[in-house]
């Protein structure tokens, strides 16, 4: 008799899990301290809702669980984020020791401004992700790859307490993984003009720190010429900020 009770309880638990409402996802998202989900419908396995980051509306997000990876020990979700200016597709896959994030599509560059405002920056135009992937293993960055394009246009920034603006050409950021020092993994992004002729910015994320370097050529483009002697493609200013 007890065997049938256990089977019945197992079926009941599986039934409840299969029908778990999408709104339950708001609980783990709240623990991340940034994203939130509202107007959620469907289930945790297949649903839709409005995604926010703080006070910023990111758009409507749809998701569904990829059951094909379960036999191999991988839990994966396919995601779609969209509104009138955003069309992104992605996949999040987590195995026993490895987690992979992948995204492609386009979005309004203004979506980044709530984060850039603390650095006195404001972007316009649009961004295009060409299959950007990032992988983590054993809670450490393993590799990254992909291209990020920016359409170019007006950029507003603060310099010496004064608000300034500059028109920049289309830019391309090439993202790749790198090994630094004693096999310390890092992500390196080099920003160049769309034709690849001029390096402008170098961004490196390593060991919890974000390092940003700008070349003499970029300062020329924003009408803030470097007073010292340096080649146009030489990094003349470097900033560091701790991420975590």
Protein backbone atom coordinates (compact mmCIF):
# COMPACT_ATOMS: atom_id res chain seq x y z
CA UNK A 1 0.00 0.00 0.00
CA UNK A 2 2.81 2.39 0.93
CA UNK A 3 4.31 1.84 -2.53
CA UNK A 4 1.18 3.21 -4.17
CA UNK A 5 1.13 6.17 -1.78
CA UNK A 6 4.73 7.05 -2.71
CA UNK A 7 3.96 6.75 -6.42
CA UNK A 8 0.90 8.94 -5.95
CA UNK A 9 2.92 11.57 -4.10
CA UNK A 10 5.59 11.51 -6.80
CA UNK A 11 3.01 11.98 -9.54
CA UNK A 12 1.44 14.83 -7.56
CA UNK A 13 4.81 16.56 -7.09
CA UNK A 14 5.65 16.21 -10.78
CA UNK A 15 2.22 17.52 -11.71
CA UNK A 16 2.67 20.59 -9.49
CA UNK A 17 6.18 21.20 -10.85
CA UNK A 18 4.96 20.97 -14.44
CA UNK A 19 2.24 23.55 -13.77
CA UNK A 20 4.30 25.86 -11.54
CA UNK A 21 3.21 29.41 -12.48
CA UNK A 22 5.62 31.73 -14.27
CA UNK A 23 5.24 34.29 -11.47
CA UNK A 24 7.44 32.07 -9.26
CA UNK A 25 10.45 33.19 -11.32
CA UNK A 26 10.18 36.63 -9.75
CA UNK A 27 11.51 35.13 -6.49
CA UNK A 28 14.98 34.05 -7.71
CA UNK A 29 15.24 37.15 -9.92
CA UNK A 30 14.70 39.35 -6.87
CA UNK A 31 17.70 37.69 -5.22
CA UNK A 32 19.94 39.00 -8.01
CA UNK A 33 19.30 42.60 -6.93
CA UNK A 34 18.58 44.04 -10.37
CA UNK A 35 16.14 42.28 -12.70
CA UNK A 36 12.44 41.83 -12.00
CA UNK A 37 9.53 40.19 -13.81
CA UNK A 38 5.96 41.49 -13.92
CA UNK A 39 2.76 40.53 -15.76
CA UNK A 40 4.06 36.96 -15.98
CA UNK A 41 1.87 34.24 -17.48
CA UNK A 42 2.35 30.60 -18.41
CA UNK A 43 4.62 28.32 -16.39
CA UNK A 44 8.23 28.38 -15.22
CA UNK A 45 8.96 26.09 -18.20
CA UNK A 46 7.20 28.07 -20.90
CA UNK A 47 5.98 31.59 -20.31
CA UNK A 48 6.04 35.30 -21.01
CA UNK A 49 6.33 38.49 -18.94
CA UNK A 50 7.66 42.04 -18.78
CA UNK A 51 11.32 42.27 -17.83
CA UNK A 52 12.74 45.24 -15.90
CA UNK A 53 16.10 46.22 -14.46
CA UNK A 54 15.46 48.58 -11.60
CA UNK A 55 13.30 51.33 -13.07
CA UNK A 56 14.27 50.49 -16.67
CA UNK A 57 11.75 48.61 -18.84
CA UNK A 58 13.72 46.14 -20.95
CA UNK A 59 10.77 44.74 -22.90
CA UNK A 60 8.72 41.57 -23.12
CA UNK A 61 10.55 38.32 -22.46
CA UNK A 62 9.46 34.88 -23.64
CA UNK A 63 11.13 31.65 -22.54
CA UNK A 64 10.84 27.91 -22.92
CA UNK A 65 12.75 24.99 -21.44
CA UNK A 66 14.91 22.85 -23.74
CA UNK A 67 14.13 19.29 -22.66
CA UNK A 68 16.58 17.84 -25.21
CA UNK A 69 19.53 18.62 -22.96
CA UNK A 70 18.19 16.84 -19.87
CA UNK A 71 19.59 13.36 -20.72
CA UNK A 72 23.06 14.92 -21.00
CA UNK A 73 22.68 16.66 -17.64
CA UNK A 74 22.13 20.14 -19.06
CA UNK A 75 19.29 22.49 -18.12
CA UNK A 76 18.75 25.08 -20.84
CA UNK A 77 16.27 27.87 -21.54
CA UNK A 78 15.70 29.64 -24.85
CA UNK A 79 14.88 33.33 -24.43
CA UNK A 80 13.45 36.09 -26.60
CA UNK A 81 13.43 39.74 -25.49
CA UNK A 82 11.58 42.25 -27.63
CA UNK A 83 9.77 45.56 -27.90
CA UNK A 84 9.56 48.12 -30.71
CA UNK A 85 13.33 48.74 -30.55
CA UNK A 86 14.65 45.45 -29.17
CA UNK A 87 14.88 42.06 -30.89
CA UNK A 88 17.17 39.71 -28.98
CA UNK A 89 17.37 35.93 -28.92
CA UNK A 90 19.42 33.95 -26.45
CA UNK A 91 20.08 30.67 -24.69
CA UNK A 92 21.19 29.95 -21.14
CA UNK A 93 22.52 26.45 -20.49
CA UNK A 94 23.78 25.11 -17.16
CA UNK A 95 25.49 21.74 -16.68
CA UNK A 96 27.24 20.16 -13.75
CA UNK A 97 30.29 22.38 -14.03
CA UNK A 98 29.72 24.69 -16.98
CA UNK A 99 27.28 27.51 -17.72
CA UNK A 100 26.99 29.07 -21.17
CA UNK A 101 25.24 32.29 -22.20
CA UNK A 102 24.62 33.16 -25.85
CA UNK A 103 22.77 36.11 -27.42
CA UNK A 104 22.24 37.70 -30.82
CA UNK A 105 20.03 40.41 -32.26
CA UNK A 106 19.68 44.18 -32.01
CA UNK A 107 18.57 46.75 -29.43
CA UNK A 108 18.38 50.49 -28.91
CA UNK A 109 21.72 51.70 -27.54
CA UNK A 110 19.74 54.02 -25.25
CA UNK A 111 18.94 50.93 -23.17
CA UNK A 112 22.48 51.24 -21.78
CA UNK A 113 22.16 54.87 -20.70
CA UNK A 114 20.82 54.20 -17.17
CA UNK A 115 24.14 52.43 -16.46
CA UNK A 116 26.31 54.87 -18.42
CA UNK A 117 24.91 57.98 -16.76
CA UNK A 118 27.04 57.36 -13.66
CA UNK A 119 30.07 57.78 -15.94
CA UNK A 120 28.69 60.91 -17.58
CA UNK A 121 27.92 59.17 -20.90
CA UNK A 122 24.83 59.07 -23.12
CA UNK A 123 24.53 56.99 -26.31
CA UNK A 124 22.12 56.99 -29.24
CA UNK A 125 21.75 54.69 -32.24
CA UNK A 126 21.47 50.91 -32.08
CA UNK A 127 23.55 47.89 -31.10
CA UNK A 128 23.86 44.59 -32.97
CA UNK A 129 25.06 41.39 -31.26
CA UNK A 130 26.54 38.82 -33.63
CA UNK A 131 26.26 35.62 -31.57
CA UNK A 132 28.08 36.75 -28.44
CA UNK A 133 28.82 33.79 -26.15
CA UNK A 134 30.25 33.66 -22.64
CA UNK A 135 31.04 30.47 -20.72
CA UNK A 136 31.78 29.90 -17.03
CA UNK A 137 33.31 26.77 -15.49
CA UNK A 138 33.63 26.10 -11.77
CA UNK A 139 32.32 29.62 -11.08
CA UNK A 140 35.11 31.19 -13.13
CA UNK A 141 35.13 32.76 -16.57
CA UNK A 142 36.23 30.20 -19.16
CA UNK A 143 35.89 31.88 -22.56
CA UNK A 144 34.01 34.49 -24.58
CA UNK A 145 33.55 35.22 -28.25
CA UNK A 146 31.52 37.37 -30.66
CA UNK A 147 31.15 40.80 -32.24
CA UNK A 148 29.14 43.81 -31.08
CA UNK A 149 28.39 46.55 -33.61
CA UNK A 150 27.27 50.09 -32.84
CA UNK A 151 25.62 52.20 -35.54
CA UNK A 152 27.49 55.36 -34.57
CA UNK A 153 25.97 58.79 -33.98
CA UNK A 154 25.95 61.51 -31.32
CA UNK A 155 27.61 60.76 -27.99
CA UNK A 156 27.15 63.06 -25.02
CA UNK A 157 29.71 63.08 -22.23
CA UNK A 158 31.04 65.19 -19.39
CA UNK A 159 34.56 66.53 -19.32
CA UNK A 160 35.82 68.84 -16.60
CA UNK A 161 32.26 69.45 -15.38
CA UNK A 162 31.12 70.54 -18.85
CA UNK A 163 28.63 68.62 -20.99
CA UNK A 164 30.04 67.95 -24.44
CA UNK A 165 29.00 66.03 -27.55
CA UNK A 166 30.71 64.35 -30.47
CA UNK A 167 29.59 62.47 -33.56
CA UNK A 168 31.32 59.09 -33.78
CA UNK A 169 31.48 56.72 -36.76
CA UNK A 170 30.08 53.16 -36.63
CA UNK A 171 32.18 51.03 -34.28
CA UNK A 172 32.88 47.32 -33.89
CA UNK A 173 33.82 45.56 -30.66
CA UNK A 174 35.51 42.18 -31.03
CA UNK A 175 35.05 40.09 -27.89
CA UNK A 176 37.41 37.24 -27.13
CA UNK A 177 38.77 35.29 -24.19
CA UNK A 178 42.37 35.68 -23.08
CA UNK A 179 44.78 34.20 -20.56
CA UNK A 180 46.71 36.61 -18.39
CA UNK A 181 49.60 35.88 -16.03
CA UNK A 182 49.16 32.61 -14.15
CA UNK A 183 46.34 31.35 -16.38
CA UNK A 184 43.92 33.94 -15.03
CA UNK A 185 40.93 33.97 -17.40
CA UNK A 186 39.70 37.27 -18.75
CA UNK A 187 37.44 38.78 -21.40
CA UNK A 188 39.00 41.24 -23.78
CA UNK A 189 37.05 43.54 -26.12
CA UNK A 190 38.79 45.75 -28.66
CA UNK A 191 36.71 48.56 -30.14
CA UNK A 192 37.72 49.67 -33.62
CA UNK A 193 36.19 51.71 -36.42
CA UNK A 194 33.85 49.64 -38.55
CA UNK A 195 36.48 49.21 -41.26
CA UNK A 196 38.89 47.92 -38.62
CA UNK A 197 41.44 50.61 -39.46
CA UNK A 198 41.59 52.50 -36.15
CA UNK A 199 41.70 50.94 -32.64
CA UNK A 200 39.86 53.21 -30.23
CA UNK A 201 39.06 51.43 -26.95
CA UNK A 202 40.31 48.33 -25.16
CA UNK A 203 38.12 46.80 -22.43
CA UNK A 204 39.27 43.96 -20.21
CA UNK A 205 37.33 42.14 -17.49
CA UNK A 206 39.63 40.14 -15.23
CA UNK A 207 39.44 38.82 -11.69
CA UNK A 208 36.48 41.02 -10.74
CA UNK A 209 37.91 44.21 -12.26
CA UNK A 210 36.97 46.16 -15.38
CA UNK A 211 39.85 47.95 -17.12
CA UNK A 212 39.15 50.47 -19.89
CA UNK A 213 41.81 52.08 -22.04
CA UNK A 214 41.31 54.70 -24.77
CA UNK A 215 43.65 55.58 -27.61
CA UNK A 216 44.89 58.94 -28.79
CA UNK A 217 42.73 58.51 -31.90
CA UNK A 218 39.50 58.36 -29.88
CA UNK A 219 40.40 61.58 -28.06
CA UNK A 220 40.89 63.22 -31.44
CA UNK A 221 37.42 62.07 -32.56
CA UNK A 222 35.77 63.64 -29.49
CA UNK A 223 37.73 66.87 -29.96
CA UNK A 224 39.89 66.38 -26.87
CA UNK A 225 43.37 65.94 -28.38
CA UNK A 226 46.05 64.31 -26.25
CA UNK A 227 48.74 66.89 -25.38
CA UNK A 228 51.60 64.41 -25.10
CA UNK A 229 53.62 62.48 -27.65
CA UNK A 230 51.97 59.17 -28.64
CA UNK A 231 51.01 57.16 -31.70
CA UNK A 232 47.37 57.42 -32.79
CA UNK A 233 46.70 53.75 -31.83
CA UNK A 234 48.45 53.97 -28.45
CA UNK A 235 46.44 53.72 -25.20
CA UNK A 236 46.91 57.03 -23.42
CA UNK A 237 44.23 56.86 -20.70
CA UNK A 238 43.40 53.80 -18.58
CA UNK A 239 40.61 53.50 -16.02
CA UNK A 240 39.87 50.65 -13.58
CA UNK A 241 36.67 49.83 -11.72
CA UNK A 242 35.90 46.89 -9.43
CA UNK A 243 32.86 44.91 -10.57
CA UNK A 244 32.60 42.46 -7.65
